Amino acid sequence: MVFTAVDLFAGAGGFSLGFSKLGFEVLLANDNWKAAAKTYKANHPETEFIFKDIEDLEVKEILDKTSKSRGEIDLIIGGPPCQGFSTVGKRFIDDPRNRLFKEYVRIVEGVYPKVFVMENVVGLTNMQKGKVLEQILSQFQSLGYKVQFKILNALDYGVPQIRERVVLIGTRYDIGIEFPEPIIGESNLFSKTQSRLTVMDAISDLPPVQAGETVEEYTIAPLNEYQEARRKDCEKITLHSAVSHNSKLLEMMDYIPDGGSIWNVEDLPEHLRPTSGYKNTYSRLDSREPGMTITRNFSCVSSSRCIHPLQNRGLTAREAARIQSFDDDYVFLGNKSDISLQIGNAVPPLLSEKIAESVQKMLEVIESKYFTPTMGTDPAAGWERKRHLKEATYSGTKNRFLPQSTHQIQDLAGK
């Protein structure tokens, strides 16, 4: 069975990609970022894309565009930015600075999917000593959803970087909530038997490139299954361009060993010593270890540990995309800053795919437990609801569905 999904705050489409690879049909996506919208549409042409601020996105428009009724869409995914400012006397949900999360809740309430998945920064779990997360969970629970959260590290799911994110999964059905189990130690996944992929496991087949130069040709074959899976049938490399660095930075990087930091170089000439920075700035990635979290600053050598392990330069966009687990044929559009931000903000597709596997199991249980084939002479006679839910009626332009406690009807998904 093909399950359907809607992607909010879709960005470049990493979240959608993982679900699509598992067989989900992403019917619709939304974002108001022009460059990311172009990237999304170039890679997901089959998905209806609505380019507008989510505050202006009506539930009716989503349902009309997808030809679905309330309750029929299986899944909503997305990662609304949650700032979690501490405001005395004001709840997180009521703070106008957290309006994007509030809009996500509004869409979930209106579309009423069987399951939703929300991804966010791991710091969300301790904002205001956990009170922000409590309020978020309470908002979804007030809509009738059972919700659980878990901190997932992309590294545990085949992504060659340390990238922790909090993932919330909710369902309006009385079933268990599934989170993906780590795949560490499954030696059959890659040609190497190590449990965790390193930076060089991800990028060592990409040709050397000097600062300020671009390379478009592969020079060697993939060296492991991860590289083979990412390269696919690509004959040309895109976005393998290194930013230019001044002579002082180039000379400085000569002193930094693999996995090392400028701050630990004892014989560094004084004129090369940075005047400011932190522990992980001006530092090389370690070729023997997984990458650090990819951010928009992956090409900036003064940012947190993003100098190439062996070459004197920051990472290229294609190397960063590789470390994020994007395939080489994935197109990123926009200017250099747009592309860097799209890659840095994306949900790694391999992590997304593992989350999709868990969600798929949940939806299969829902279909089995709450829906049954209609008996009769017509073998194509749809599905009949086993259990009744409360009636909901549409009210207002902001798509508020108001429960009617005195009436019981079949859920629209069963009609």
Protein backbone atom coordinates (compact mmCIF):
# COMPACT_ATOMS: atom_id res chain seq x y z
CA MET A 1 0.00 0.00 0.00
CA VAL A 2 1.26 3.49 -0.86
CA PHE A 3 1.01 5.96 2.02
CA THR A 4 0.62 9.69 1.44
CA ALA A 5 2.47 12.61 3.02
CA VAL A 6 2.66 16.41 3.18
CA ASP A 7 6.00 18.15 3.90
CA LEU A 8 5.92 21.51 5.70
CA PHE A 9 9.01 23.75 5.96
CA ALA A 10 10.29 21.50 3.20
CA GLY A 11 13.52 23.37 2.42
CA ALA A 12 15.70 21.54 -0.09
CA GLY A 13 13.72 18.34 0.35
CA GLY A 14 15.92 16.04 2.44
CA PHE A 15 12.99 14.92 4.61
CA SER A 16 10.83 14.23 1.56
CA LEU A 17 13.63 12.34 -0.16
CA GLY A 18 13.96 9.71 2.54
CA PHE A 19 10.22 9.06 2.63
CA SER A 20 9.98 9.00 -1.17
CA LYS A 21 12.78 6.44 -1.41
CA LEU A 22 10.81 4.16 0.88
CA GLY A 23 7.74 4.45 -1.33
CA PHE A 24 5.71 7.21 0.31
CA GLU A 25 3.87 9.51 -2.08
CA VAL A 26 4.66 13.07 -1.02
CA LEU A 27 1.58 14.81 -2.39
CA LEU A 28 2.43 18.38 -1.40
CA ALA A 29 5.24 20.47 0.06
CA ASN A 30 5.41 24.03 1.33
CA ASP A 31 8.10 26.64 1.97
CA ASN A 32 8.51 30.36 1.43
CA TRP A 33 12.23 30.30 0.60
CA LYS A 34 12.63 30.93 -3.13
CA ALA A 35 15.97 29.20 -3.70
CA ALA A 36 14.98 26.13 -1.67
CA ALA A 37 11.67 25.96 -3.53
CA LYS A 38 13.55 25.80 -6.83
CA THR A 39 15.79 23.06 -5.45
CA TYR A 40 12.82 21.10 -4.14
CA LYS A 41 10.90 21.27 -7.42
CA ALA A 42 13.97 20.30 -9.45
CA ASN A 43 14.37 17.10 -7.42
CA HIS A 44 10.72 16.31 -6.66
CA PRO A 45 8.83 17.29 -9.83
CA GLU A 46 5.97 14.94 -9.02
CA THR A 47 5.14 16.78 -5.77
CA GLU A 48 2.77 19.77 -5.74
CA PHE A 49 4.74 22.68 -4.27
CA ILE A 50 3.02 25.68 -2.69
CA PHE A 51 5.36 28.64 -2.46
CA LYS A 52 4.05 30.92 0.28
CA ASP A 53 4.40 31.77 3.94
CA ILE A 54 2.82 29.05 6.03
CA GLU A 55 0.69 31.69 7.77
CA ASP A 56 -1.06 32.21 4.44
CA LEU A 57 -1.41 28.48 3.73
CA GLU A 58 -5.00 27.36 4.21
CA VAL A 59 -5.93 23.81 5.12
CA LYS A 60 -8.58 23.93 2.40
CA GLU A 61 -5.87 24.64 -0.17
CA ILE A 62 -3.88 21.60 0.99
CA LEU A 63 -6.92 19.35 0.80
CA ASP A 64 -7.99 20.75 -2.57
CA LYS A 65 -4.51 20.41 -4.09
CA THR A 66 -4.18 16.82 -2.89
CA SER A 67 -7.81 15.87 -3.66
CA LYS A 68 -8.16 14.59 -0.10
CA SER A 69 -10.64 15.10 2.71
CA ARG A 70 -9.77 15.85 6.30
CA GLY A 71 -8.28 12.74 7.91
CA GLU A 72 -7.37 11.03 4.63
CA ILE A 73 -3.73 12.11 4.38
CA ASP A 74 -1.57 9.59 6.19
CA LEU A 75 1.33 11.76 7.31
CA ILE A 76 2.63 15.29 7.87
CA ILE A 77 6.37 15.82 8.26
CA GLY A 78 8.33 19.00 8.94
CA GLY A 79 10.68 20.93 11.16
CA PRO A 80 9.27 24.31 12.23
CA PRO A 81 11.91 26.59 13.76
CA CYS A 82 11.27 26.84 17.50
CA GLN A 83 13.13 29.70 19.18
CA GLY A 84 11.86 28.94 22.66
CA PHE A 85 12.51 32.40 24.10
CA SER A 86 12.04 32.72 27.81
CA THR A 87 9.16 35.12 28.34
CA VAL A 88 7.93 35.74 31.86
CA GLY A 89 4.19 35.16 32.16
CA LYS A 90 3.79 33.97 28.57
CA ARG A 91 3.51 30.40 27.31
CA PHE A 92 5.80 29.23 24.51
CA ILE A 93 2.86 28.64 22.16
CA ASP A 94 1.55 32.17 22.76
CA ASP A 95 4.87 33.89 22.08
CA PRO A 96 4.60 35.52 18.62
CA ARG A 97 8.26 34.71 18.01
CA ASN A 98 7.28 31.05 17.91
CA ARG A 99 4.52 31.60 15.36
CA LEU A 100 5.93 29.02 12.92
CA PHE A 101 5.46 26.19 15.38
CA LYS A 102 1.93 27.46 16.03
CA GLU A 103 1.24 27.31 12.28
CA TYR A 104 2.51 23.73 12.14
CA VAL A 105 0.06 22.81 14.88
CA ARG A 106 -2.74 24.58 12.98
CA ILE A 107 -2.06 22.56 9.83
CA VAL A 108 -1.90 19.29 11.76
CA GLU A 109 -5.20 20.16 13.43
CA GLY A 110 -6.86 20.97 10.12
CA VAL A 111 -5.46 18.20 7.90
CA TYR A 112 -5.74 15.69 10.76
CA PRO A 113 -3.20 13.13 9.48
CA LYS A 114 -2.99 9.66 10.93
CA VAL A 115 0.61 10.32 11.96
CA PHE A 116 2.87 13.37 12.11
CA VAL A 117 6.64 13.68 12.47
CA MET A 118 8.32 16.85 13.71
CA GLU A 119 12.12 17.27 13.61
CA ASN A 120 14.03 19.97 15.44
CA VAL A 121 17.29 20.94 17.11
CA VAL A 122 18.23 18.82 20.11
CA GLY A 123 18.37 21.93 22.30
CA LEU A 124 14.59 21.97 22.21
CA THR A 125 14.58 19.31 24.93
CA ASN A 126 16.16 21.58 27.55
CA MET A 127 14.80 24.99 26.58
CA GLN A 128 13.42 26.63 29.74
CA LYS A 129 14.35 23.48 31.67
CA GLY A 130 12.12 21.28 29.53
CA LYS A 131 9.02 23.46 29.81
CA VAL A 132 9.03 24.34 26.10
CA LEU A 133 8.95 20.66 25.10
CA GLU A 134 6.19 20.00 27.64
CA GLN A 135 4.08 22.75 26.07
CA ILE A 136 4.71 21.39 22.58
CA LEU A 137 3.65 17.89 23.60
CA SER A 138 0.59 19.33 25.34
CA GLN A 139 -0.47 21.19 22.19
CA PHE A 140 -0.52 18.02 20.13
CA GLN A 141 -2.16 16.03 22.91
CA SER A 142 -4.96 18.60 23.05
CA LEU A 143 -5.69 17.72 19.41
CA GLY A 144 -6.14 14.07 20.30
CA TYR A 145 -2.65 12.84 19.42
CA LYS A 146 -0.49 10.52 21.46
CA VAL A 147 3.05 11.91 21.16
CA GLN A 148 6.52 10.70 22.03
CA PHE A 149 9.95 12.14 21.36
CA LYS A 150 13.45 10.75 21.06
CA ILE A 151 16.89 12.19 20.36
CA LEU A 152 18.31 10.55 17.24
CA ASN A 153 21.91 10.80 16.08
CA ALA A 154 22.19 10.57 12.29
CA LEU A 155 25.52 8.80 12.79
CA ASP A 156 23.64 5.76 14.13
CA TYR A 157 21.69 5.41 10.88
CA GLY A 158 24.46 5.33 8.30
CA VAL A 159 25.13 9.07 7.99
CA PRO A 160 28.87 9.91 8.29
CA GLN A 161 28.48 12.79 10.74
CA ILE A 162 27.57 13.44 14.35
CA ARG A 163 24.20 15.14 14.04
CA GLU A 164 21.74 14.92 16.91
CA ARG A 165 18.13 15.96 16.41
CA VAL A 166 14.99 15.61 18.48
CA VAL A 167 12.20 13.83 16.65
CA LEU A 168 8.56 13.91 17.77
CA ILE A 169 6.15 11.33 16.41
CA GLY A 170 2.43 11.54 17.08
CA THR A 171 -0.58 9.47 16.13
CA ARG A 172 -4.30 9.84 16.75
CA TYR A 173 -4.70 6.06 17.04
CA ASP A 174 -4.19 3.78 20.01
CA ILE A 175 -1.06 2.06 18.74
CA GLY A 176 2.57 1.95 19.75
CA ILE A 177 4.85 4.72 18.49
CA GLU A 178 7.88 3.44 16.59
CA PHE A 179 11.32 5.03 16.43
CA PRO A 180 14.10 3.62 14.24
CA GLU A 181 16.62 1.33 15.87
CA PRO A 182 20.30 2.23 15.30
CA ILE A 183 21.96 0.19 12.58
CA ILE A 184 25.44 0.37 14.10
CA GLY A 185 27.36 -2.85 13.64
CA GLU A 186 25.42 -4.18 10.66
CA SER A 187 28.49 -5.04 8.62
CA ASN A 188 26.50 -6.05 5.55
CA LEU A 189 25.48 -2.43 4.84
CA PHE A 190 28.85 -1.27 3.56
CA SER A 191 31.99 -2.84 2.15
CA LYS A 192 33.86 -1.91 5.33
CA THR A 193 32.99 -3.71 8.56
CA GLN A 194 33.35 -0.66 10.81
CA SER A 195 30.20 0.28 12.64
CA ARG A 196 30.32 4.01 11.93
CA LEU A 197 31.30 5.77 8.74
CA THR A 198 34.11 8.32 8.73
CA VAL A 199 34.44 11.53 6.74
CA MET A 200 36.78 9.85 4.28
CA ASP A 201 34.40 6.90 3.90
CA ALA A 202 32.03 9.50 2.50
CA ILE A 203 34.29 11.68 0.33
CA SER A 204 37.60 9.92 -0.43
CA ASP A 205 36.56 9.09 -4.02
CA LEU A 206 35.97 12.76 -4.84
CA PRO A 207 38.99 14.24 -6.67
CA PRO A 208 41.35 16.72 -5.00
CA VAL A 209 40.54 20.37 -5.63
CA GLN A 210 42.63 23.41 -4.80
CA ALA A 211 41.26 26.48 -3.04
CA GLY A 212 39.50 28.68 -5.57
CA GLU A 213 39.20 25.90 -8.15
CA THR A 214 36.44 23.65 -9.52
CA VAL A 215 36.65 19.99 -10.58
CA GLU A 216 33.90 18.31 -12.62
CA GLU A 217 35.36 14.89 -13.42
CA TYR A 218 35.62 11.79 -11.25
CA THR A 219 39.13 10.34 -11.36
CA ILE A 220 38.67 7.05 -9.49
CA ALA A 221 35.91 4.52 -8.93
CA PRO A 222 33.92 4.47 -5.66
CA LEU A 223 35.91 2.88 -2.84
CA ASN A 224 33.03 1.51 -0.77
CA GLU A 225 29.29 0.89 -0.93
CA TYR A 226 28.39 4.25 0.61
CA GLN A 227 30.24 6.09 -2.15
CA GLU A 228 28.79 3.81 -4.79
CA ALA A 229 25.26 4.45 -3.51
CA ARG A 230 25.80 8.22 -3.50
CA ARG A 231 27.43 8.40 -6.91
CA LYS A 232 24.91 6.15 -8.66
CA ASP A 233 25.35 6.60 -12.43
CA CYS A 234 26.67 10.16 -12.34
CA GLU A 235 29.36 10.90 -14.89
CA LYS A 236 30.05 14.50 -13.83
CA ILE A 237 30.49 16.09 -10.41
CA THR A 238 28.53 19.22 -9.62
CA LEU A 239 29.22 21.77 -6.87
CA HIS A 240 32.75 20.48 -6.27
CA SER A 241 34.16 23.99 -6.03
CA ALA A 242 36.48 25.15 -3.25
CA VAL A 243 36.31 28.71 -1.96
CA SER A 244 39.37 30.90 -2.27
CA HIS A 245 41.57 31.52 0.79
CA ASN A 246 44.19 34.21 1.23
CA SER A 247 47.88 33.34 1.45
CA LYS A 248 47.96 33.68 5.25
CA LEU A 249 45.15 31.13 5.69
CA LEU A 250 46.76 28.74 3.22
CA GLU A 251 50.06 28.94 5.06
CA MET A 252 48.30 28.52 8.41
CA MET A 253 46.50 25.36 7.26
CA ASP A 254 49.84 23.81 6.32
CA TYR A 255 50.60 23.58 10.04
CA ILE A 256 47.33 21.89 11.04
CA PRO A 257 47.55 18.06 11.11
CA ASP A 258 44.74 15.66 10.22
CA GLY A 259 42.12 16.04 12.96
CA GLY A 260 44.12 18.80 14.62
CA SER A 261 43.51 22.43 15.55
CA ILE A 262 45.56 25.58 15.04
CA TRP A 263 45.35 26.19 18.79
CA ASN A 264 47.42 23.05 19.48
CA VAL A 265 50.22 23.81 17.02
CA GLU A 266 53.29 24.60 19.13
CA ASP A 267 55.67 25.78 16.42
CA LEU A 268 53.19 28.10 14.68
CA PRO A 269 54.78 31.39 13.60
CA GLU A 270 53.28 34.24 15.56
CA HIS A 271 52.11 36.10 12.45
CA LEU A 272 49.88 33.12 11.56
CA ARG A 273 48.21 32.81 14.95
CA PRO A 274 44.52 33.86 14.85
CA THR A 275 43.58 36.77 17.07
CA SER A 276 40.24 35.24 18.06
CA GLY A 277 38.34 31.97 17.89
CA TYR A 278 37.18 28.94 19.83
CA LYS A 279 38.43 25.42 20.48
CA ASN A 280 37.04 23.92 17.25
CA THR A 281 37.66 26.89 14.94
CA TYR A 282 40.53 26.67 12.46
CA SER A 283 40.42 22.88 12.85
CA ARG A 284 40.63 19.97 10.44
CA LEU A 285 38.13 17.19 10.24
CA ASP A 286 39.64 13.87 11.34
CA SER A 287 39.89 11.43 8.43
CA ARG A 288 39.49 8.52 10.87
CA GLU A 289 36.34 9.85 12.52
CA PRO A 290 32.79 10.81 11.50
CA GLY A 291 32.23 14.41 10.49
CA MET A 292 30.98 17.09 12.82
CA THR A 293 27.50 18.50 12.26
CA ILE A 294 27.29 20.08 8.81
CA THR A 295 26.13 23.70 9.03
CA ARG A 296 25.87 26.52 6.51
CA ASN A 297 29.51 27.44 7.30
CA PHE A 298 31.09 24.22 6.04
CA SER A 299 33.41 26.07 3.64
CA CYS A 300 34.59 28.65 6.17
CA VAL A 301 37.88 27.54 7.77
CA SER A 302 37.30 29.79 10.79
CA SER A 303 34.06 27.96 11.55
CA SER A 304 33.77 24.83 13.66
CA ARG A 305 36.03 22.01 12.39
CA CYS A 306 35.34 22.13 8.67
CA ILE A 307 38.80 22.16 7.06
CA HIS A 308 39.28 19.19 4.74
CA PRO A 309 41.20 16.40 6.53
CA LEU A 310 44.02 16.33 3.97
CA GLN A 311 43.70 19.41 1.75
CA ASN A 312 44.21 23.08 2.60
CA ARG A 313 40.68 24.39 2.13
CA GLY A 314 37.16 24.27 3.49
CA LEU A 315 34.72 21.65 2.29
CA THR A 316 33.02 21.93 -1.09
CA ALA A 317 29.23 21.90 -1.34
CA ARG A 318 29.31 18.42 -2.87
CA GLU A 319 31.46 17.09 -0.03
CA ALA A 320 29.07 18.59 2.51
CA ALA A 321 26.11 17.07 0.65
CA ARG A 322 27.87 13.69 0.67
CA ILE A 323 28.40 13.93 4.43
CA GLN A 324 24.69 14.78 4.72
CA SER A 325 23.96 11.58 2.68
CA PHE A 326 22.59 13.30 -0.43
CA ASP A 327 23.24 11.48 -3.71
CA ASP A 328 25.55 13.15 -6.23
CA ASP A 329 22.69 13.68 -8.67
CA TYR A 330 20.77 15.80 -6.18
CA VAL A 331 20.53 19.33 -7.57
CA PHE A 332 20.97 22.40 -5.37
CA LEU A 333 19.95 25.75 -6.87
CA GLY A 334 20.56 29.34 -5.85
CA ASN A 335 23.66 31.38 -5.04
CA LYS A 336 26.55 30.05 -2.97
CA SER A 337 25.02 31.24 0.31
CA ASP A 338 21.62 29.73 -0.55
CA ILE A 339 23.15 26.36 -1.40
CA SER A 340 25.25 26.27 1.76
CA LEU A 341 22.22 27.00 3.91
CA GLN A 342 20.06 24.43 2.10
CA ILE A 343 22.65 21.70 2.69
CA GLY A 344 23.33 22.72 6.28
CA ASN A 345 19.66 22.89 7.24
CA ALA A 346 18.57 19.66 5.56
CA VAL A 347 17.41 16.50 7.26
CA PRO A 348 19.90 13.84 6.12
CA PRO A 349 18.02 11.62 3.65
CA LEU A 350 19.37 8.39 5.18
CA LEU A 351 18.06 9.42 8.60
CA SER A 352 14.77 10.39 7.00
CA GLU A 353 14.52 7.00 5.34
CA LYS A 354 15.01 5.20 8.65
CA ILE A 355 12.33 7.36 10.28
CA ALA A 356 10.09 6.54 7.29
CA GLU A 357 10.54 2.82 7.96
CA SER A 358 9.22 3.27 11.50
CA VAL A 359 6.31 5.42 10.37
CA GLN A 360 5.43 2.91 7.67
CA LYS A 361 5.19 0.17 10.31
CA MET A 362 2.85 2.37 12.35
CA LEU A 363 0.61 3.08 9.37
CA GLU A 364 0.48 -0.60 8.50
CA VAL A 365 -0.69 -1.34 12.04
CA ILE A 366 -3.34 1.38 11.74
CA GLU A 367 -4.61 -0.09 8.47
CA SER A 368 -4.72 -3.57 9.97
CA LYS A 369 -6.27 -2.60 13.30
CA TYR A 370 -8.74 0.11 12.31
CA PHE A 371 -9.66 -0.64 8.71
CA THR A 372 -10.86 -3.88 7.16
CA PRO A 373 -11.71 -4.84 3.54
CA THR A 374 -15.42 -4.54 2.82
CA MET A 375 -17.01 -7.93 2.28
CA GLY A 376 -19.28 -8.42 -0.70
CA THR A 377 -19.39 -9.23 -4.37
CA ASP A 378 -17.30 -6.23 -5.43
CA PRO A 379 -13.62 -7.02 -4.69
CA ALA A 380 -12.67 -3.35 -5.17
CA ALA A 381 -15.20 -2.06 -2.69
CA GLY A 382 -12.94 0.15 -0.61
CA TRP A 383 -12.41 0.08 3.15
CA GLU A 384 -14.86 0.17 6.03
CA ARG A 385 -14.15 1.91 9.33
CA LYS A 386 -13.94 -0.40 12.35
CA ARG A 387 -14.06 2.34 14.93
CA HIS A 388 -15.95 5.63 15.16
CA LEU A 389 -14.33 8.98 15.95
CA LYS A 390 -15.85 12.28 16.99
CA GLU A 391 -17.39 14.45 14.30
CA ALA A 392 -15.41 17.55 13.31
CA THR A 393 -16.76 20.59 11.53
CA TYR A 394 -14.94 23.27 9.59
CA SER A 395 -15.02 26.83 10.93
CA GLY A 396 -13.25 29.97 9.78
CA THR A 397 -10.51 30.89 7.35
CA LYS A 398 -7.78 29.55 9.62
CA ASN A 399 -9.23 26.06 9.30
CA ARG A 400 -10.26 25.45 12.89
CA PHE A 401 -12.02 22.13 13.25
CA LEU A 402 -14.24 22.12 16.31
CA PRO A 403 -15.06 18.76 17.96
CA GLN A 404 -18.76 18.09 18.38
CA SER A 405 -18.92 15.91 21.47
CA THR A 406 -22.62 15.05 21.12
CA HIS A 407 -22.32 13.43 17.71
CA GLN A 408 -20.49 10.33 16.57
CA ILE A 409 -19.88 9.68 12.88
CA GLN A 410 -17.49 7.69 10.84
CA ASP A 411 -14.08 9.31 10.47
CA LEU A 412 -13.75 10.97 7.07
CA ALA A 413 -10.86 8.67 6.29
CA GLY A 414 -13.31 5.78 6.26
CA LYS A 415 -15.74 7.34 3.82
